Amino acid sequence: MSLHGLLSVTIGVPNVEETAAYYADFGLAPAGDGWFSTLDAGRQLRLVPAPTRRLIALRVGADDADDLARAAAGLTRLGLTPDLRGDRVTATEPVTGVRVALDVAPRLRQDPVAATAYNGPGRFERQGHRAPGFTRTDRVRPRKLGHAVLGSTDPQATMAFFTDGLGFKVSDRIKDVGAFLRCSTDHHNVLVLAAPVSFLHHTSWQVDDVDDVGRGACAMLEGRPERHVWGLGRHYAGSNFFWYLKDPAGNFSEYYSDMDCIIDDQLWTPEDLEGARGLFAWGPPPPPSFLHPDDLAALMTGAHSAR
């Protein structure tokens, strides 16, 4: 794949200072001018002022100028007018209004992290000491940005922008609801969902293992139970462990680990998922606010009044 990763997201929020404090608690490192950094991939989140919460921009990594030219041609075939300058091509997704930049950038090389030792029937990987998941004293810090989830009033058009335009690939589909799209070897980097208004559902951040999913979430919830949304559980699409929390602007943020990896496209067959399988494999049932965020009606009212 000539595309190789989701480089960053820019999120507009009405309460920048309060939301910035949340993401610092979440384990992202403040990097100046509204930016926050992950442990392995540098500056990957930017918060900027906006009247209501929304995803403003995505940056996607590409290998070279030929990749940019292919994307520009694909976007042009969709009737759009991409801006190709130097090592970047930009275009605005017409339904959600999200600005997407394809940048020629080096591929992320993550140093391997030693696998956590887990015991099982007849298998004693850890002997003579307690599980490291609860003896770790360091705070959880996300390794990288994994994906963003967009609600779209015309999901087919939004999906076409990413696939036919930019060159994303389909990993799985949720029947009549949306699709998991990838621009890297991760199972998905963008999920497009049908929605009554265009909005950002959540961003997702990689941590080392399921223990760090739990440790990170528990640290975030200490004295702040209102941050909890959904977890602990495991998704079917992507196979990853998850725990969702809510920032002060109303955006969800996810700690995840153990995501499916698609190195050879020929070895992966996309599925059409229905019902619970489109949401999770195990865990508590998702709360209504996960499927329909509490501020969705207000976002719809704002969208209509802005017309």
C-alpha atoms as a PDB file:
ATOM      1  CA  MET A   1       0.000   0.000   0.000  1.00  0.00           C
ATOM      2  CA  SER A   2       1.376   3.399  -0.997  1.00  0.00           C
ATOM      3  CA  LEU A   3      -0.488   5.082   1.850  1.00  0.00           C
ATOM      4  CA  HIS A   4       0.991   4.139   5.194  1.00  0.00           C
ATOM      5  CA  GLY A   5      -0.787   5.713   8.156  1.00  0.00           C
ATOM      6  CA  LEU A   6      -3.007   8.242   9.847  1.00  0.00           C
ATOM      7  CA  LEU A   7      -0.563  10.976  10.846  1.00  0.00           C
ATOM      8  CA  SER A   8      -2.735  13.370  12.842  1.00  0.00           C
ATOM      9  CA  VAL A   9      -6.195  14.744  13.585  1.00  0.00           C
ATOM     10  CA  THR A  10      -7.271  18.308  14.253  1.00  0.00           C
ATOM     11  CA  ILE A  11     -10.359  18.634  16.436  1.00  0.00           C
ATOM     12  CA  GLY A  12     -12.317  21.814  17.002  1.00  0.00           C
ATOM     13  CA  VAL A  13     -13.831  22.274  20.462  1.00  0.00           C
ATOM     14  CA  PRO A  14     -15.532  25.189  22.256  1.00  0.00           C
ATOM     15  CA  ASN A  15     -13.565  24.592  25.477  1.00  0.00           C
ATOM     16  CA  VAL A  16      -9.937  24.194  24.427  1.00  0.00           C
ATOM     17  CA  GLU A  17      -8.292  24.593  27.844  1.00  0.00           C
ATOM     18  CA  GLU A  18     -10.552  22.077  29.579  1.00  0.00           C
ATOM     19  CA  THR A  19     -10.289  19.580  26.732  1.00  0.00           C
ATOM     20  CA  ALA A  20      -6.508  19.988  26.601  1.00  0.00           C
ATOM     21  CA  ALA A  21      -6.281  19.060  30.296  1.00  0.00           C
ATOM     22  CA  TYR A  22      -8.270  15.904  29.560  1.00  0.00           C
ATOM     23  CA  TYR A  23      -5.889  14.734  26.819  1.00  0.00           C
ATOM     24  CA  ALA A  24      -2.902  15.447  29.023  1.00  0.00           C
ATOM     25  CA  ASP A  25      -4.525  13.179  31.637  1.00  0.00           C
ATOM     26  CA  PHE A  26      -5.154  10.654  28.843  1.00  0.00           C
ATOM     27  CA  GLY A  27      -1.389  10.355  28.380  1.00  0.00           C
ATOM     28  CA  LEU A  28      -0.715  12.596  25.393  1.00  0.00           C
ATOM     29  CA  ALA A  29       2.165  15.037  25.820  1.00  0.00           C
ATOM     30  CA  PRO A  30       1.472  18.770  25.217  1.00  0.00           C
ATOM     31  CA  ALA A  31       3.697  19.930  22.359  1.00  0.00           C
ATOM     32  CA  GLY A  32       2.752  23.604  21.919  1.00  0.00           C
ATOM     33  CA  ASP A  33       0.283  25.484  19.695  1.00  0.00           C
ATOM     34  CA  GLY A  34      -2.530  23.105  20.628  1.00  0.00           C
ATOM     35  CA  TRP A  35      -0.607  19.984  19.625  1.00  0.00           C
ATOM     36  CA  PHE A  36      -0.254  16.756  21.628  1.00  0.00           C
ATOM     37  CA  SER A  37       2.259  13.977  21.000  1.00  0.00           C
ATOM     38  CA  THR A  38       2.167  10.209  21.290  1.00  0.00           C
ATOM     39  CA  LEU A  39       5.105   8.169  22.522  1.00  0.00           C
ATOM     40  CA  ASP A  40       6.158   6.752  19.138  1.00  0.00           C
ATOM     41  CA  ALA A  41       4.688   9.001  16.448  1.00  0.00           C
ATOM     42  CA  GLY A  42       5.117  12.587  17.636  1.00  0.00           C
ATOM     43  CA  ARG A  43       2.486  15.300  17.172  1.00  0.00           C
ATOM     44  CA  GLN A  44      -0.791  13.586  16.339  1.00  0.00           C
ATOM     45  CA  LEU A  45      -3.602  15.596  17.952  1.00  0.00           C
ATOM     46  CA  ARG A  46      -4.300  19.293  17.650  1.00  0.00           C
ATOM     47  CA  LEU A  47      -7.086  21.121  19.470  1.00  0.00           C
ATOM     48  CA  VAL A  48      -8.365  24.400  18.037  1.00  0.00           C
ATOM     49  CA  PRO A  49     -11.280  26.677  18.999  1.00  0.00           C
ATOM     50  CA  ALA A  50     -14.628  25.990  17.309  1.00  0.00           C
ATOM     51  CA  PRO A  51     -18.255  26.857  18.141  1.00  0.00           C
ATOM     52  CA  THR A  52     -19.151  23.157  18.464  1.00  0.00           C
ATOM     53  CA  ARG A  53     -17.078  20.002  18.590  1.00  0.00           C
ATOM     54  CA  ARG A  54     -16.077  18.683  15.186  1.00  0.00           C
ATOM     55  CA  LEU A  55     -13.313  16.969  13.267  1.00  0.00           C
ATOM     56  CA  ILE A  56     -11.613  19.662  11.246  1.00  0.00           C
ATOM     57  CA  ALA A  57      -8.711  17.882   9.553  1.00  0.00           C
ATOM     58  CA  LEU A  58      -6.914  14.586   9.003  1.00  0.00           C
ATOM     59  CA  ARG A  59      -3.360  14.039   7.788  1.00  0.00           C
ATOM     60  CA  VAL A  60      -2.458  10.812   5.997  1.00  0.00           C
ATOM     61  CA  GLY A  61       1.027   9.593   5.118  1.00  0.00           C
ATOM     62  CA  ALA A  62       2.046   8.699   1.561  1.00  0.00           C
ATOM     63  CA  ASP A  63       5.338   7.361   0.200  1.00  0.00           C
ATOM     64  CA  ASP A  64       6.084   9.649  -2.738  1.00  0.00           C
ATOM     65  CA  ALA A  65       4.882  12.156  -5.311  1.00  0.00           C
ATOM     66  CA  ASP A  66       3.386   9.400  -7.487  1.00  0.00           C
ATOM     67  CA  ASP A  67       1.020   8.527  -4.627  1.00  0.00           C
ATOM     68  CA  LEU A  68      -0.086  12.142  -4.428  1.00  0.00           C
ATOM     69  CA  ALA A  69      -0.681  12.282  -8.177  1.00  0.00           C
ATOM     70  CA  ARG A  70      -2.814   9.124  -8.051  1.00  0.00           C
ATOM     71  CA  ALA A  71      -4.896  10.566  -5.214  1.00  0.00           C
ATOM     72  CA  ALA A  72      -5.304  13.872  -7.016  1.00  0.00           C
ATOM     73  CA  ALA A  73      -6.507  12.036 -10.131  1.00  0.00           C
ATOM     74  CA  GLY A  74      -8.945   9.934  -8.083  1.00  0.00           C
ATOM     75  CA  LEU A  75     -10.376  12.992  -6.363  1.00  0.00           C
ATOM     76  CA  THR A  76     -10.729  14.778  -9.702  1.00  0.00           C
ATOM     77  CA  ARG A  77     -12.713  11.836 -11.093  1.00  0.00           C
ATOM     78  CA  LEU A  78     -15.131  12.332  -8.190  1.00  0.00           C
ATOM     79  CA  GLY A  79     -15.705  15.899  -9.339  1.00  0.00           C
ATOM     80  CA  LEU A  80     -13.557  17.495  -6.654  1.00  0.00           C
ATOM     81  CA  THR A  81     -10.748  20.019  -7.039  1.00  0.00           C
ATOM     82  CA  PRO A  82      -7.728  18.822  -5.046  1.00  0.00           C
ATOM     83  CA  ASP A  83      -4.847  21.171  -4.325  1.00  0.00           C
ATOM     84  CA  LEU A  84      -1.542  19.507  -5.231  1.00  0.00           C
ATOM     85  CA  ARG A  85       1.492  21.468  -4.102  1.00  0.00           C
ATOM     86  CA  GLY A  86       4.923  20.009  -3.521  1.00  0.00           C
ATOM     87  CA  ASP A  87       4.780  17.105  -1.087  1.00  0.00           C
ATOM     88  CA  ARG A  88       1.088  17.531  -0.224  1.00  0.00           C
ATOM     89  CA  VAL A  89      -2.325  17.152  -1.796  1.00  0.00           C
ATOM     90  CA  THR A  90      -5.359  18.485   0.078  1.00  0.00           C
ATOM     91  CA  ALA A  91      -9.087  18.178  -0.469  1.00  0.00           C
ATOM     92  CA  THR A  92     -12.235  18.677   1.584  1.00  0.00           C
ATOM     93  CA  GLU A  93     -14.613  15.755   1.992  1.00  0.00           C
ATOM     94  CA  PRO A  94     -17.843  17.384   0.741  1.00  0.00           C
ATOM     95  CA  VAL A  95     -20.319  15.742   3.131  1.00  0.00           C
ATOM     96  CA  THR A  96     -18.563  16.106   6.490  1.00  0.00           C
ATOM     97  CA  GLY A  97     -16.464  19.153   5.607  1.00  0.00           C
ATOM     98  CA  VAL A  98     -13.319  17.458   6.932  1.00  0.00           C
ATOM     99  CA  ARG A  99     -10.125  18.686   5.281  1.00  0.00           C
ATOM    100  CA  VAL A 100      -7.785  15.816   4.409  1.00  0.00           C
ATOM    101  CA  ALA A 101      -4.108  16.257   3.553  1.00  0.00           C
ATOM    102  CA  LEU A 102      -1.998  13.537   1.989  1.00  0.00           C
ATOM    103  CA  ASP A 103       1.626  14.242   2.912  1.00  0.00           C
ATOM    104  CA  VAL A 104       4.800  12.580   1.679  1.00  0.00           C
ATOM    105  CA  ALA A 105       6.219  11.465   5.019  1.00  0.00           C
ATOM    106  CA  PRO A 106       8.476   8.729   6.412  1.00  0.00           C
ATOM    107  CA  ARG A 107       6.798   5.535   7.564  1.00  0.00           C
ATOM    108  CA  LEU A 108       6.414   5.019  11.288  1.00  0.00           C
ATOM    109  CA  ARG A 109       8.832   2.400  12.613  1.00  0.00           C
ATOM    110  CA  GLN A 110       7.844   1.288  16.094  1.00  0.00           C
ATOM    111  CA  ASP A 111      10.432  -0.536  18.185  1.00  0.00           C
ATOM    112  CA  PRO A 112       9.012  -3.939  19.182  1.00  0.00           C
ATOM    113  CA  VAL A 113       7.678  -4.085  22.726  1.00  0.00           C
ATOM    114  CA  ALA A 114       8.259  -7.396  24.480  1.00  0.00           C
ATOM    115  CA  ALA A 115       5.061  -9.443  24.645  1.00  0.00           C
ATOM    116  CA  THR A 116       3.448  -9.551  28.071  1.00  0.00           C
ATOM    117  CA  ALA A 117       3.890 -12.950  29.721  1.00  0.00           C
ATOM    118  CA  TYR A 118       0.522 -14.612  30.344  1.00  0.00           C
ATOM    119  CA  ASN A 119       0.027 -18.029  31.904  1.00  0.00           C
ATOM    120  CA  GLY A 120      -2.471 -20.539  30.546  1.00  0.00           C
ATOM    121  CA  PRO A 121      -3.347 -24.226  30.712  1.00  0.00           C
ATOM    122  CA  GLY A 122      -0.055 -26.101  30.569  1.00  0.00           C
ATOM    123  CA  ARG A 123       1.787 -22.873  29.704  1.00  0.00           C
ATOM    124  CA  PHE A 124       3.807 -21.079  32.373  1.00  0.00           C
ATOM    125  CA  GLU A 125       5.274 -17.982  30.766  1.00  0.00           C
ATOM    126  CA  ARG A 126       5.340 -16.155  34.099  1.00  0.00           C
ATOM    127  CA  GLN A 127       6.734 -17.990  37.105  1.00  0.00           C
ATOM    128  CA  GLY A 128       7.546 -16.882  40.628  1.00  0.00           C
ATOM    129  CA  HIS A 129       6.239 -13.332  40.386  1.00  0.00           C
ATOM    130  CA  ARG A 130       2.970 -11.460  40.043  1.00  0.00           C
ATOM    131  CA  ALA A 131       1.485 -10.348  36.746  1.00  0.00           C
ATOM    132  CA  PRO A 132       3.249  -7.210  35.464  1.00  0.00           C
ATOM    133  CA  GLY A 133      -0.034  -5.600  34.463  1.00  0.00           C
ATOM    134  CA  PHE A 134      -0.679  -4.445  38.008  1.00  0.00           C
ATOM    135  CA  THR A 135       2.892  -4.026  39.207  1.00  0.00           C
ATOM    136  CA  ARG A 136       3.678  -1.375  36.594  1.00  0.00           C
ATOM    137  CA  THR A 137       4.093   2.039  38.146  1.00  0.00           C
ATOM    138  CA  ASP A 138       4.542   4.143  34.994  1.00  0.00           C
ATOM    139  CA  ARG A 139       1.549   6.064  33.660  1.00  0.00           C
ATOM    140  CA  VAL A 140      -0.055   4.835  30.463  1.00  0.00           C
ATOM    141  CA  ARG A 141       0.989   6.800  27.398  1.00  0.00           C
ATOM    142  CA  PRO A 142      -0.504   6.038  23.972  1.00  0.00           C
ATOM    143  CA  ARG A 143       1.986   4.786  21.402  1.00  0.00           C
ATOM    144  CA  LYS A 144       0.224   6.186  18.336  1.00  0.00           C
ATOM    145  CA  LEU A 145      -3.046   7.400  16.884  1.00  0.00           C
ATOM    146  CA  GLY A 146      -4.924   4.436  15.446  1.00  0.00           C
ATOM    147  CA  HIS A 147      -8.133   5.678  13.867  1.00  0.00           C
ATOM    148  CA  ALA A 148     -10.922   8.225  13.739  1.00  0.00           C
ATOM    149  CA  VAL A 149     -14.644   7.520  13.365  1.00  0.00           C
ATOM    150  CA  LEU A 150     -16.840   9.896  11.357  1.00  0.00           C
ATOM    151  CA  GLY A 151     -20.589  10.144  11.248  1.00  0.00           C
ATOM    152  CA  SER A 152     -21.787  11.148   7.766  1.00  0.00           C
ATOM    153  CA  THR A 153     -25.215  12.039   6.403  1.00  0.00           C
ATOM    154  CA  ASP A 154     -24.138  10.422   3.101  1.00  0.00           C
ATOM    155  CA  PRO A 155     -21.811   7.574   4.074  1.00  0.00           C
ATOM    156  CA  GLN A 156     -21.524   6.214   0.531  1.00  0.00           C
ATOM    157  CA  ALA A 157     -20.205   9.537  -0.730  1.00  0.00           C
ATOM    158  CA  THR A 158     -17.822   9.864   2.206  1.00  0.00           C
ATOM    159  CA  MET A 159     -16.552   6.315   1.698  1.00  0.00           C
ATOM    160  CA  ALA A 160     -16.016   7.004  -2.006  1.00  0.00           C
ATOM    161  CA  PHE A 161     -13.919  10.052  -1.102  1.00  0.00           C
ATOM    162  CA  PHE A 162     -11.586   7.909   0.991  1.00  0.00           C
ATOM    163  CA  THR A 163     -11.498   4.801  -1.220  1.00  0.00           C
ATOM    164  CA  ASP A 164     -11.958   5.949  -4.826  1.00  0.00           C
ATOM    165  CA  GLY A 165     -10.385   9.314  -4.156  1.00  0.00           C
ATOM    166  CA  LEU A 166      -7.530   8.855  -1.701  1.00  0.00           C
ATOM    167  CA  GLY A 167      -6.885   5.124  -2.073  1.00  0.00           C
ATOM    168  CA  PHE A 168      -8.033   3.717   1.282  1.00  0.00           C
ATOM    169  CA  LYS A 169      -9.059   0.045   1.307  1.00  0.00           C
ATOM    170  CA  VAL A 170     -12.146  -1.596   2.817  1.00  0.00           C
ATOM    171  CA  SER A 171     -11.411  -4.020   5.670  1.00  0.00           C
ATOM    172  CA  ASP A 172     -14.986  -4.803   6.826  1.00  0.00           C
ATOM    173  CA  ARG A 173     -18.462  -3.362   6.403  1.00  0.00           C
ATOM    174  CA  ILE A 174     -21.361  -2.896   8.806  1.00  0.00           C
ATOM    175  CA  LYS A 175     -24.458  -3.668   6.751  1.00  0.00           C
ATOM    176  CA  ASP A 176     -26.420  -0.509   5.902  1.00  0.00           C
ATOM    177  CA  VAL A 177     -24.363   1.454   8.449  1.00  0.00           C
ATOM    178  CA  GLY A 178     -20.784   2.003   7.315  1.00  0.00           C
ATOM    179  CA  ALA A 179     -17.336   0.648   6.575  1.00  0.00           C
ATOM    180  CA  PHE A 180     -13.945   0.180   8.210  1.00  0.00           C
ATOM    181  CA  LEU A 181     -11.281   1.721   5.960  1.00  0.00           C
ATOM    182  CA  ARG A 182      -7.498   1.459   6.161  1.00  0.00           C
ATOM    183  CA  CYS A 183      -4.558   3.480   4.874  1.00  0.00           C
ATOM    184  CA  SER A 184      -1.979   1.311   6.641  1.00  0.00           C
ATOM    185  CA  THR A 185      -1.528  -2.286   7.747  1.00  0.00           C
ATOM    186  CA  ASP A 186      -3.866  -1.660  10.705  1.00  0.00           C
ATOM    187  CA  HIS A 187      -7.382  -3.069  10.273  1.00  0.00           C
ATOM    188  CA  HIS A 188      -8.840   0.440  10.106  1.00  0.00           C
ATOM    189  CA  ASN A 189      -7.728   4.041  10.269  1.00  0.00           C
ATOM    190  CA  VAL A 190     -11.087   5.612   9.414  1.00  0.00           C
ATOM    191  CA  LEU A 191     -14.563   4.250  10.119  1.00  0.00           C
ATOM    192  CA  VAL A 192     -17.417   5.961   8.287  1.00  0.00           C
ATOM    193  CA  LEU A 193     -20.875   5.600   9.868  1.00  0.00           C
ATOM    194  CA  ALA A 194     -24.321   6.659   8.694  1.00  0.00           C
ATOM    195  CA  ALA A 195     -25.579   9.461  10.943  1.00  0.00           C
ATOM    196  CA  PRO A 196     -28.275  12.162  11.001  1.00  0.00           C
ATOM    197  CA  VAL A 197     -25.557  14.822  11.192  1.00  0.00           C
ATOM    198  CA  SER A 198     -21.865  14.847  10.334  1.00  0.00           C
ATOM    199  CA  PHE A 199     -19.779  14.594  13.506  1.00  0.00           C
ATOM    200  CA  LEU A 200     -16.699  13.057  15.111  1.00  0.00           C
ATOM    201  CA  HIS A 201     -17.626   9.936  17.060  1.00  0.00           C
ATOM    202  CA  HIS A 202     -14.221   9.040  18.483  1.00  0.00           C
ATOM    203  CA  THR A 203     -10.473   8.860  18.089  1.00  0.00           C
ATOM    204  CA  SER A 204      -8.543   5.741  19.099  1.00  0.00           C
ATOM    205  CA  TRP A 205      -5.078   5.451  20.620  1.00  0.00           C
ATOM    206  CA  GLN A 206      -2.799   2.410  20.810  1.00  0.00           C
ATOM    207  CA  VAL A 207      -1.352   1.186  24.118  1.00  0.00           C
ATOM    208  CA  ASP A 208       0.833  -1.837  24.835  1.00  0.00           C
ATOM    209  CA  ASP A 209      -1.666  -4.490  25.911  1.00  0.00           C
ATOM    210  CA  VAL A 210      -5.031  -5.139  27.538  1.00  0.00           C
ATOM    211  CA  ASP A 211      -3.564  -4.382  30.963  1.00  0.00           C
ATOM    212  CA  ASP A 212      -2.663  -0.889  29.796  1.00  0.00           C
ATOM    213  CA  VAL A 213      -6.148  -0.456  28.320  1.00  0.00           C
ATOM    214  CA  GLY A 214      -7.495  -1.158  31.801  1.00  0.00           C
ATOM    215  CA  ARG A 215      -4.812   0.784  33.677  1.00  0.00           C
ATOM    216  CA  GLY A 216      -5.256   3.834  31.489  1.00  0.00           C
ATOM    217  CA  ALA A 217      -9.023   3.836  31.812  1.00  0.00           C
ATOM    218  CA  CYS A 218      -8.972   3.301  35.575  1.00  0.00           C
ATOM    219  CA  ALA A 219      -6.541   6.188  36.029  1.00  0.00           C
ATOM    220  CA  MET A 220      -8.796   8.431  33.937  1.00  0.00           C
ATOM    221  CA  LEU A 221     -11.856   7.441  35.977  1.00  0.00           C
ATOM    222  CA  GLU A 222     -10.318   7.960  39.412  1.00  0.00           C
ATOM    223  CA  GLY A 223     -12.494  10.669  40.890  1.00  0.00           C
ATOM    224  CA  ARG A 224     -14.027  11.324  37.443  1.00  0.00           C
ATOM    225  CA  PRO A 225     -16.606   8.565  36.834  1.00  0.00           C
ATOM    226  CA  GLU A 226     -18.492  10.774  34.358  1.00  0.00           C
ATOM    227  CA  ARG A 227     -15.709  10.152  31.850  1.00  0.00           C
ATOM    228  CA  HIS A 228     -16.700   6.500  31.428  1.00  0.00           C
ATOM    229  CA  VAL A 229     -18.534   5.501  28.234  1.00  0.00           C
ATOM    230  CA  TRP A 230     -18.006   1.809  27.439  1.00  0.00           C
ATOM    231  CA  GLY A 231     -15.561  -0.956  28.323  1.00  0.00           C
ATOM    232  CA  LEU A 232     -13.728  -3.149  28.932  1.00  0.00           C
ATOM    233  CA  GLY A 233     -14.495  -5.233  25.856  1.00  0.00           C
ATOM    234  CA  ARG A 234     -13.204  -6.672  22.604  1.00  0.00           C
ATOM    235  CA  HIS A 235     -14.368  -5.723  19.128  1.00  0.00           C
ATOM    236  CA  TYR A 236     -15.011  -8.252  16.393  1.00  0.00           C
ATOM    237  CA  ALA A 237     -14.026  -5.877  13.569  1.00  0.00           C
ATOM    238  CA  GLY A 238     -10.337  -5.305  14.220  1.00  0.00           C
ATOM    239  CA  SER A 239     -10.281  -7.775  17.147  1.00  0.00           C
ATOM    240  CA  ASN A 240      -8.925  -5.081  19.461  1.00  0.00           C
ATOM    241  CA  PHE A 241      -9.506  -4.676  23.176  1.00  0.00           C
ATOM    242  CA  PHE A 242     -11.188  -1.353  23.951  1.00  0.00           C
ATOM    243  CA  TRP A 243     -12.293   1.100  26.605  1.00  0.00           C
ATOM    244  CA  TYR A 244     -14.044   4.347  25.653  1.00  0.00           C
ATOM    245  CA  LEU A 245     -13.990   7.592  27.612  1.00  0.00           C
ATOM    246  CA  LYS A 246     -15.489  11.034  26.921  1.00  0.00           C
ATOM    247  CA  ASP A 247     -13.646  14.333  26.768  1.00  0.00           C
ATOM    248  CA  PRO A 248     -15.202  17.569  28.110  1.00  0.00           C
ATOM    249  CA  ALA A 249     -16.318  18.634  24.616  1.00  0.00           C
ATOM    250  CA  GLY A 250     -18.269  15.387  24.113  1.00  0.00           C
ATOM    251  CA  ASN A 251     -15.850  13.482  21.853  1.00  0.00           C
ATOM    252  CA  PHE A 252     -15.115   9.877  22.740  1.00  0.00           C
ATOM    253  CA  SER A 253     -11.511   8.672  23.026  1.00  0.00           C
ATOM    254  CA  GLU A 254     -10.527   5.005  23.011  1.00  0.00           C
ATOM    255  CA  TYR A 255      -7.588   3.114  24.438  1.00  0.00           C
ATOM    256  CA  TYR A 256      -6.979   0.023  22.303  1.00  0.00           C
ATOM    257  CA  SER A 257      -4.535  -2.851  21.976  1.00  0.00           C
ATOM    258  CA  ASP A 258      -4.111  -5.967  19.797  1.00  0.00           C
ATOM    259  CA  MET A 259      -5.526  -4.637  16.517  1.00  0.00           C
ATOM    260  CA  ASP A 260      -5.750  -6.935  13.483  1.00  0.00           C
ATOM    261  CA  CYS A 261      -2.909  -6.343  11.033  1.00  0.00           C
ATOM    262  CA  ILE A 262      -3.331  -6.763   7.263  1.00  0.00           C
ATOM    263  CA  ILE A 263       0.048  -7.135   5.567  1.00  0.00           C
ATOM    264  CA  ASP A 264      -1.081  -9.085   2.486  1.00  0.00           C
ATOM    265  CA  ASP A 265      -4.410  -7.888   1.074  1.00  0.00           C
ATOM    266  CA  GLN A 266      -4.968 -11.260  -0.623  1.00  0.00           C
ATOM    267  CA  LEU A 267      -5.081 -13.006   2.759  1.00  0.00           C
ATOM    268  CA  TRP A 268      -7.886 -10.797   4.103  1.00  0.00           C
ATOM    269  CA  THR A 269     -11.555 -11.114   3.184  1.00  0.00           C
ATOM    270  CA  PRO A 270     -13.841  -8.238   4.209  1.00  0.00           C
ATOM    271  CA  GLU A 271     -17.045  -9.291   5.963  1.00  0.00           C
ATOM    272  CA  ASP A 272     -20.499  -7.739   6.076  1.00  0.00           C
ATOM    273  CA  LEU A 273     -21.275  -7.485   9.770  1.00  0.00           C
ATOM    274  CA  GLU A 274     -24.721  -7.237  11.318  1.00  0.00           C
ATOM    275  CA  GLY A 275     -26.136  -6.767  14.805  1.00  0.00           C
ATOM    276  CA  ALA A 276     -23.852  -7.060  17.806  1.00  0.00           C
ATOM    277  CA  ARG A 277     -20.983  -8.393  15.687  1.00  0.00           C
ATOM    278  CA  GLY A 278     -20.701  -4.979  14.093  1.00  0.00           C
ATOM    279  CA  LEU A 279     -20.072  -3.545  17.556  1.00  0.00           C
ATOM    280  CA  PHE A 280     -18.272  -6.051  19.754  1.00  0.00           C
ATOM    281  CA  ALA A 281     -17.367  -9.688  20.403  1.00  0.00           C
ATOM    282  CA  TRP A 282     -17.610  -9.549  24.206  1.00  0.00           C
ATOM    283  CA  GLY A 283     -17.977  -7.011  26.972  1.00  0.00           C
ATOM    284  CA  PRO A 284     -20.854  -5.105  28.530  1.00  0.00           C
ATOM    285  CA  PRO A 285     -23.550  -4.017  26.075  1.00  0.00           C
ATOM    286  CA  PRO A 286     -22.888  -0.571  24.617  1.00  0.00           C
ATOM    287  CA  PRO A 287     -24.851   2.196  26.332  1.00  0.00           C
ATOM    288  CA  PRO A 288     -27.367   4.158  24.233  1.00  0.00           C
ATOM    289  CA  SER A 289     -25.081   7.199  24.439  1.00  0.00           C
ATOM    290  CA  PHE A 290     -22.369   5.320  22.535  1.00  0.00           C
ATOM    291  CA  LEU A 291     -24.665   4.697  19.584  1.00  0.00           C
ATOM    292  CA  HIS A 292     -26.355   8.094  19.803  1.00  0.00           C
ATOM    293  CA  PRO A 293     -24.197  10.606  21.709  1.00  0.00           C
ATOM    294  CA  ASP A 294     -26.104  12.793  24.152  1.00  0.00           C
ATOM    295  CA  ASP A 295     -25.361  15.972  22.209  1.00  0.00           C
ATOM    296  CA  LEU A 296     -26.406  14.629  18.805  1.00  0.00           C
ATOM    297  CA  ALA A 297     -29.687  16.568  18.795  1.00  0.00           C
ATOM    298  CA  ALA A 298     -27.852  19.789  19.642  1.00  0.00           C
ATOM    299  CA  LEU A 299     -25.336  19.127  16.857  1.00  0.00           C
ATOM    300  CA  MET A 300     -28.209  18.570  14.441  1.00  0.00           C
ATOM    301  CA  THR A 301     -29.867  21.819  15.503  1.00  0.00           C
ATOM    302  CA  GLY A 302     -26.604  23.679  15.064  1.00  0.00           C
ATOM    303  CA  ALA A 303     -26.056  22.167  11.626  1.00  0.00           C
ATOM    304  CA  HIS A 304     -29.519  23.209  10.464  1.00  0.00           C
ATOM    305  CA  SER A 305     -29.241  26.720  11.894  1.00  0.00           C
ATOM    306  CA  ALA A 306     -25.912  27.220  10.130  1.00  0.00           C
ATOM    307  CA  ARG A 307     -27.506  26.701   6.718  1.00  0.00           C
END
